[in-house]
Amino acid sequence: MTPKKVLILCTGNSCRSQMAEGYLRYFAGSTAEIYSAGVETHGVNPLAIAIMKEDGVDISGHTSNSIDEYAGIAFDFVITVCDNAKERCPFFPTKAQKLHRNFPDPAQATGTLPEIHRQFREVRQSIKEYCWQFVQDNLKTD
């Protein structure tokens, strides 16, 4: 069976889409090829890397990619993880099923360092649950 191609799209490809890419790779295994991109590129957020590592998912090797880099790929699913990306999502000349879930941007978290960490963990948990459910609903064959 050919792995499904999944693109997670966010504004800057630094936090939410990186977390989702990490969890989708973890949960989907060989059933999917997972990509993430932004309508802009802001680099992978170091705090996103640290917060994911706490949960046993290593995204330290991820790169921040522009949507333009994937123009030639026929995706099966395109998941936007923020309203801004949904509004700015370019047209894909594929039959990709488009899904959307707006997650708060942890990079915009304010407060003390422990408060910022808490906000990152809350977003991470929401993304983890969404990704697990996505895999169960769309990628599992058994």
C-alpha atoms as a PDB file:
ATOM      1  CA  MET A   1       0.000   0.000   0.000  1.00  0.00           C
ATOM      2  CA  THR A   2       1.334   3.426  -0.963  1.00  0.00           C
ATOM      3  CA  PRO A   3       1.819   5.722   2.020  1.00  0.00           C
ATOM      4  CA  LYS A   4      -0.533   8.711   2.139  1.00  0.00           C
ATOM      5  CA  LYS A   5       1.093  12.120   1.758  1.00  0.00           C
ATOM      6  CA  VAL A   6       0.127  14.582   4.483  1.00  0.00           C
ATOM      7  CA  LEU A   7       1.043  18.264   4.642  1.00  0.00           C
ATOM      8  CA  ILE A   8       0.620  20.308   7.817  1.00  0.00           C
ATOM      9  CA  LEU A   9       0.470  23.993   7.049  1.00  0.00           C
ATOM     10  CA  CYS A  10       0.893  26.906   9.453  1.00  0.00           C
ATOM     11  CA  THR A  11       1.939  30.522   9.232  1.00  0.00           C
ATOM     12  CA  GLY A  12       5.644  30.280  10.048  1.00  0.00           C
ATOM     13  CA  ASN A  13       6.328  26.528  10.292  1.00  0.00           C
ATOM     14  CA  SER A  14       7.985  27.043  13.668  1.00  0.00           C
ATOM     15  CA  CYS A  15       5.746  25.584  16.422  1.00  0.00           C
ATOM     16  CA  ARG A  16       2.293  24.146  15.733  1.00  0.00           C
ATOM     17  CA  SER A  17       3.020  22.561  12.371  1.00  0.00           C
ATOM     18  CA  GLN A  18       6.343  21.232  13.675  1.00  0.00           C
ATOM     19  CA  MET A  19       4.627  19.620  16.668  1.00  0.00           C
ATOM     20  CA  ALA A  20       1.958  18.141  14.406  1.00  0.00           C
ATOM     21  CA  GLU A  21       4.596  16.806  12.013  1.00  0.00           C
ATOM     22  CA  GLY A  22       6.375  15.141  14.932  1.00  0.00           C
ATOM     23  CA  TYR A  23       3.243  13.498  16.299  1.00  0.00           C
ATOM     24  CA  LEU A  24       1.912  12.438  12.901  1.00  0.00           C
ATOM     25  CA  ARG A  25       5.235  10.786  12.070  1.00  0.00           C
ATOM     26  CA  TYR A  26       5.174   9.085  15.479  1.00  0.00           C
ATOM     27  CA  PHE A  27       1.565   7.842  15.262  1.00  0.00           C
ATOM     28  CA  ALA A  28       1.401   7.086  11.517  1.00  0.00           C
ATOM     29  CA  GLY A  29       4.679   5.223  11.126  1.00  0.00           C
ATOM     30  CA  SER A  30       5.042   3.894   7.591  1.00  0.00           C
ATOM     31  CA  THR A  31       1.400   4.527   6.641  1.00  0.00           C
ATOM     32  CA  ALA A  32       2.154   8.137   5.675  1.00  0.00           C
ATOM     33  CA  GLU A  33       4.778  10.566   4.469  1.00  0.00           C
ATOM     34  CA  ILE A  34       4.490  13.660   6.642  1.00  0.00           C
ATOM     35  CA  TYR A  35       5.544  17.150   5.599  1.00  0.00           C
ATOM     36  CA  SER A  36       5.115  20.523   7.240  1.00  0.00           C
ATOM     37  CA  ALA A  37       5.433  23.984   5.815  1.00  0.00           C
ATOM     38  CA  GLY A  38       4.539  27.589   6.370  1.00  0.00           C
ATOM     39  CA  VAL A  39       3.233  30.352   4.213  1.00  0.00           C
ATOM     40  CA  GLU A  40       6.377  31.992   5.645  1.00  0.00           C
ATOM     41  CA  THR A  41       9.398  30.411   7.363  1.00  0.00           C
ATOM     42  CA  HIS A  42      10.408  31.437  10.872  1.00  0.00           C
ATOM     43  CA  GLY A  43      12.761  28.594  11.837  1.00  0.00           C
ATOM     44  CA  VAL A  44      11.942  25.796  14.263  1.00  0.00           C
ATOM     45  CA  ASN A  45      11.192  27.258  17.693  1.00  0.00           C
ATOM     46  CA  PRO A  46      13.716  25.957  20.285  1.00  0.00           C
ATOM     47  CA  LEU A  47      11.018  25.797  22.957  1.00  0.00           C
ATOM     48  CA  ALA A  48       8.838  23.636  20.678  1.00  0.00           C
ATOM     49  CA  ILE A  49      11.797  21.266  20.313  1.00  0.00           C
ATOM     50  CA  ALA A  50      12.261  21.133  24.107  1.00  0.00           C
ATOM     51  CA  ILE A  51       8.562  20.663  24.895  1.00  0.00           C
ATOM     52  CA  MET A  52       8.234  17.852  22.331  1.00  0.00           C
ATOM     53  CA  LYS A  53      11.349  16.157  23.696  1.00  0.00           C
ATOM     54  CA  GLU A  54       9.629  16.058  27.123  1.00  0.00           C
ATOM     55  CA  ASP A  55       7.007  13.822  25.492  1.00  0.00           C
ATOM     56  CA  GLY A  56       9.573  11.594  23.779  1.00  0.00           C
ATOM     57  CA  VAL A  57       9.250  13.038  20.265  1.00  0.00           C
ATOM     58  CA  ASP A  58      12.441  14.437  18.747  1.00  0.00           C
ATOM     59  CA  ILE A  59      11.853  17.257  16.267  1.00  0.00           C
ATOM     60  CA  SER A  60      15.349  18.726  16.603  1.00  0.00           C
ATOM     61  CA  GLY A  61      16.216  17.645  13.060  1.00  0.00           C
ATOM     62  CA  HIS A  62      13.186  19.335  11.503  1.00  0.00           C
ATOM     63  CA  THR A  63      13.588  22.304   9.186  1.00  0.00           C
ATOM     64  CA  SER A  64      11.289  25.260   8.604  1.00  0.00           C
ATOM     65  CA  ASN A  65      10.029  24.937   5.043  1.00  0.00           C
ATOM     66  CA  SER A  66       8.045  27.149   2.704  1.00  0.00           C
ATOM     67  CA  ILE A  67       4.903  25.837   1.061  1.00  0.00           C
ATOM     68  CA  ASP A  68       6.497  26.660  -2.296  1.00  0.00           C
ATOM     69  CA  GLU A  69       9.015  23.842  -1.787  1.00  0.00           C
ATOM     70  CA  TYR A  70       6.235  21.251  -2.020  1.00  0.00           C
ATOM     71  CA  ALA A  71       4.342  22.579  -5.053  1.00  0.00           C
ATOM     72  CA  GLY A  72       4.982  19.405  -7.071  1.00  0.00           C
ATOM     73  CA  ILE A  73       3.759  16.889  -4.483  1.00  0.00           C
ATOM     74  CA  ALA A  74       0.292  15.366  -4.816  1.00  0.00           C
ATOM     75  CA  PHE A  75      -0.862  15.428  -1.200  1.00  0.00           C
ATOM     76  CA  ASP A  76      -3.714  13.264   0.035  1.00  0.00           C
ATOM     77  CA  PHE A  77      -4.352  15.555   3.011  1.00  0.00           C
ATOM     78  CA  VAL A  78      -3.551  19.191   3.738  1.00  0.00           C
ATOM     79  CA  ILE A  79      -4.112  20.145   7.363  1.00  0.00           C
ATOM     80  CA  THR A  80      -4.027  23.817   8.317  1.00  0.00           C
ATOM     81  CA  VAL A  81      -3.339  24.327  12.016  1.00  0.00           C
ATOM     82  CA  CYS A  82      -4.027  28.061  12.254  1.00  0.00           C
ATOM     83  CA  ASP A  83      -6.656  30.379  10.809  1.00  0.00           C
ATOM     84  CA  ASN A  84      -4.054  32.578   9.125  1.00  0.00           C
ATOM     85  CA  ALA A  85      -2.650  29.651   7.142  1.00  0.00           C
ATOM     86  CA  LYS A  86      -6.158  28.523   6.187  1.00  0.00           C
ATOM     87  CA  GLU A  87      -6.936  31.961   4.810  1.00  0.00           C
ATOM     88  CA  ARG A  88      -3.619  32.163   2.959  1.00  0.00           C
ATOM     89  CA  CYS A  89      -3.406  28.518   1.893  1.00  0.00           C
ATOM     90  CA  PRO A  90      -2.438  28.382  -1.751  1.00  0.00           C
ATOM     91  CA  PHE A  91      -4.432  26.370  -4.234  1.00  0.00           C
ATOM     92  CA  PHE A  92      -3.116  22.840  -4.600  1.00  0.00           C
ATOM     93  CA  PRO A  93      -3.723  21.226  -7.977  1.00  0.00           C
ATOM     94  CA  THR A  94      -4.423  17.903  -6.263  1.00  0.00           C
ATOM     95  CA  LYS A  95      -7.364  16.043  -4.871  1.00  0.00           C
ATOM     96  CA  ALA A  96      -6.053  16.680  -1.369  1.00  0.00           C
ATOM     97  CA  GLN A  97      -8.636  16.544   1.359  1.00  0.00           C
ATOM     98  CA  LYS A  98      -8.344  19.807   3.297  1.00  0.00           C
ATOM     99  CA  LEU A  99      -8.782  19.755   7.059  1.00  0.00           C
ATOM    100  CA  HIS A 100      -8.543  22.633   9.505  1.00  0.00           C
ATOM    101  CA  ARG A 101      -8.070  23.031  13.232  1.00  0.00           C
ATOM    102  CA  ASN A 102      -7.019  26.332  14.743  1.00  0.00           C
ATOM    103  CA  PHE A 103      -4.573  25.843  17.607  1.00  0.00           C
ATOM    104  CA  PRO A 104      -3.382  28.769  19.745  1.00  0.00           C
ATOM    105  CA  ASP A 105       0.123  29.944  18.825  1.00  0.00           C
ATOM    106  CA  PRO A 106       2.439  29.035  21.715  1.00  0.00           C
ATOM    107  CA  ALA A 107       5.100  31.344  20.269  1.00  0.00           C
ATOM    108  CA  GLN A 108       2.819  34.217  21.301  1.00  0.00           C
ATOM    109  CA  ALA A 109       2.691  33.023  24.927  1.00  0.00           C
ATOM    110  CA  THR A 110       3.470  35.654  27.539  1.00  0.00           C
ATOM    111  CA  GLY A 111       4.267  35.608  31.238  1.00  0.00           C
ATOM    112  CA  THR A 112       6.958  33.970  33.292  1.00  0.00           C
ATOM    113  CA  LEU A 113       8.990  31.124  31.826  1.00  0.00           C
ATOM    114  CA  PRO A 114       6.920  28.512  33.734  1.00  0.00           C
ATOM    115  CA  GLU A 115       3.715  30.130  32.394  1.00  0.00           C
ATOM    116  CA  ILE A 116       5.064  30.079  28.850  1.00  0.00           C
ATOM    117  CA  HIS A 117       6.069  26.415  29.236  1.00  0.00           C
ATOM    118  CA  ARG A 118       2.566  25.615  30.496  1.00  0.00           C
ATOM    119  CA  GLN A 119       1.024  27.264  27.424  1.00  0.00           C
ATOM    120  CA  PHE A 120       3.355  25.304  25.117  1.00  0.00           C
ATOM    121  CA  ARG A 121       2.403  22.060  26.899  1.00  0.00           C
ATOM    122  CA  GLU A 122      -1.320  22.811  26.579  1.00  0.00           C
ATOM    123  CA  VAL A 123      -0.992  23.389  22.834  1.00  0.00           C
ATOM    124  CA  ARG A 124       1.221  20.296  22.524  1.00  0.00           C
ATOM    125  CA  GLN A 125      -1.448  18.171  24.223  1.00  0.00           C
ATOM    126  CA  SER A 126      -4.203  19.480  21.940  1.00  0.00           C
ATOM    127  CA  ILE A 127      -2.071  18.817  18.858  1.00  0.00           C
ATOM    128  CA  LYS A 128      -1.154  15.344  20.123  1.00  0.00           C
ATOM    129  CA  GLU A 129      -4.810  14.411  20.597  1.00  0.00           C
ATOM    130  CA  TYR A 130      -5.756  15.814  17.185  1.00  0.00           C
ATOM    131  CA  CYS A 131      -2.932  13.936  15.446  1.00  0.00           C
ATOM    132  CA  TRP A 132      -3.753  10.652  17.151  1.00  0.00           C
ATOM    133  CA  GLN A 133      -7.400  10.972  16.090  1.00  0.00           C
ATOM    134  CA  PHE A 134      -6.432  11.966  12.543  1.00  0.00           C
ATOM    135  CA  VAL A 135      -4.319   8.822  12.188  1.00  0.00           C
ATOM    136  CA  GLN A 136      -7.116   6.627  13.573  1.00  0.00           C
ATOM    137  CA  ASP A 137      -9.693   8.186  11.232  1.00  0.00           C
ATOM    138  CA  ASN A 138      -7.625   8.495   8.052  1.00  0.00           C
ATOM    139  CA  LEU A 139      -4.514   6.331   8.016  1.00  0.00           C
ATOM    140  CA  LYS A 140      -5.109   3.107   9.916  1.00  0.00           C
ATOM    141  CA  THR A 141      -5.845   0.180   7.670  1.00  0.00           C
ATOM    142  CA  ASP A 142      -6.595  -2.506  10.251  1.00  0.00           C
END
